[in-house]
Amino acid sequence: MFWKNLLIFCNLATVVIVAIADALNKTHLFNPAWPGHARFHIGMQFTTLLSKMSGEDPT
């Protein structure tokens, strides 16, 4: 049970850290100086993490 809870915690921490560092930070996803392709990949990474955490298949 400990290992399962540790894995859940690590997954949640990863989603939160990525959300703060990449998706919600104005210097990354919402930076108009970034090329659209780079912003697309950050958005897809965040969407994939959220869908994996919710148990849905992103494909």
C-alpha atoms as a PDB file:
ATOM      1  CA  MET A   1       0.000   0.000   0.000  1.00  0.00           C
ATOM      2  CA  PHE A   2       2.889   2.352   0.741  1.00  0.00           C
ATOM      3  CA  TRP A   3       4.321   1.981  -2.776  1.00  0.00           C
ATOM      4  CA  LYS A   4       0.950   2.597  -4.402  1.00  0.00           C
ATOM      5  CA  ASN A   5       0.459   5.775  -2.378  1.00  0.00           C
ATOM      6  CA  LEU A   6       3.996   6.898  -3.171  1.00  0.00           C
ATOM      7  CA  LEU A   7       3.355   6.412  -6.879  1.00  0.00           C
ATOM      8  CA  ILE A   8       0.103   8.386  -6.684  1.00  0.00           C
ATOM      9  CA  PHE A   9       1.879  11.180  -4.822  1.00  0.00           C
ATOM     10  CA  CYS A  10       4.692  11.307  -7.401  1.00  0.00           C
ATOM     11  CA  ASN A  11       2.194  11.477 -10.259  1.00  0.00           C
ATOM     12  CA  LEU A  12       0.240  14.284  -8.621  1.00  0.00           C
ATOM     13  CA  ALA A  13       3.423  16.198  -7.811  1.00  0.00           C
ATOM     14  CA  THR A  14       4.534  15.886 -11.441  1.00  0.00           C
ATOM     15  CA  VAL A  15       1.243  17.303 -12.726  1.00  0.00           C
ATOM     16  CA  VAL A  16       1.317  20.215 -10.289  1.00  0.00           C
ATOM     17  CA  ILE A  17       4.960  21.072 -10.987  1.00  0.00           C
ATOM     18  CA  VAL A  18       4.435  20.953 -14.760  1.00  0.00           C
ATOM     19  CA  ALA A  19       1.303  23.086 -14.448  1.00  0.00           C
ATOM     20  CA  ILE A  20       3.138  25.745 -12.486  1.00  0.00           C
ATOM     21  CA  ALA A  21       6.385  25.660 -14.452  1.00  0.00           C
ATOM     22  CA  ASP A  22       5.065  25.275 -17.990  1.00  0.00           C
ATOM     23  CA  ALA A  23       1.344  25.696 -18.445  1.00  0.00           C
ATOM     24  CA  LEU A  24       0.514  28.485 -16.010  1.00  0.00           C
ATOM     25  CA  ASN A  25       3.746  30.449 -16.321  1.00  0.00           C
ATOM     26  CA  LYS A  26       3.589  33.459 -18.663  1.00  0.00           C
ATOM     27  CA  THR A  27       7.158  32.767 -19.812  1.00  0.00           C
ATOM     28  CA  HIS A  28       6.271  29.399 -21.346  1.00  0.00           C
ATOM     29  CA  LEU A  29       2.882  28.392 -22.768  1.00  0.00           C
ATOM     30  CA  PHE A  30       1.454  31.913 -22.896  1.00  0.00           C
ATOM     31  CA  ASN A  31       4.641  33.592 -24.117  1.00  0.00           C
ATOM     32  CA  PRO A  32       3.877  35.242 -27.483  1.00  0.00           C
ATOM     33  CA  ALA A  33       7.586  35.147 -28.383  1.00  0.00           C
ATOM     34  CA  TRP A  34       7.586  31.344 -28.390  1.00  0.00           C
ATOM     35  CA  PRO A  35       6.891  29.652 -31.727  1.00  0.00           C
ATOM     36  CA  GLY A  36       3.450  28.103 -32.013  1.00  0.00           C
ATOM     37  CA  HIS A  37       4.942  24.643 -32.386  1.00  0.00           C
ATOM     38  CA  ALA A  38       6.757  24.899 -29.018  1.00  0.00           C
ATOM     39  CA  ARG A  39       3.591  26.102 -27.285  1.00  0.00           C
ATOM     40  CA  PHE A  40       1.665  23.253 -28.901  1.00  0.00           C
ATOM     41  CA  HIS A  41       4.024  20.696 -27.361  1.00  0.00           C
ATOM     42  CA  ILE A  42       3.767  22.250 -23.885  1.00  0.00           C
ATOM     43  CA  GLY A  43      -0.035  22.222 -24.181  1.00  0.00           C
ATOM     44  CA  MET A  44      -0.051  18.607 -25.336  1.00  0.00           C
ATOM     45  CA  GLN A  45       2.249  17.586 -22.468  1.00  0.00           C
ATOM     46  CA  PHE A  46      -0.055  19.215 -19.930  1.00  0.00           C
ATOM     47  CA  THR A  47      -3.177  17.717 -21.537  1.00  0.00           C
ATOM     48  CA  THR A  48      -1.634  14.249 -21.566  1.00  0.00           C
ATOM     49  CA  LEU A  49      -0.642  14.492 -17.904  1.00  0.00           C
ATOM     50  CA  LEU A  50      -4.133  15.599 -16.920  1.00  0.00           C
ATOM     51  CA  SER A  51      -5.815  12.876 -18.947  1.00  0.00           C
ATOM     52  CA  LYS A  52      -3.507  10.209 -17.495  1.00  0.00           C
ATOM     53  CA  MET A  53      -4.288  11.421 -13.974  1.00  0.00           C
ATOM     54  CA  SER A  54      -8.027  11.258 -14.672  1.00  0.00           C
ATOM     55  CA  GLY A  55      -7.693   7.721 -16.029  1.00  0.00           C
ATOM     56  CA  GLU A  56      -8.796   8.593 -19.557  1.00  0.00           C
ATOM     57  CA  ASP A  57      -6.945   7.491 -22.676  1.00  0.00           C
ATOM     58  CA  PRO A  58      -5.806  10.612 -24.591  1.00  0.00           C
ATOM     59  CA  THR A  59      -5.823   8.803 -27.941  1.00  0.00           C
END
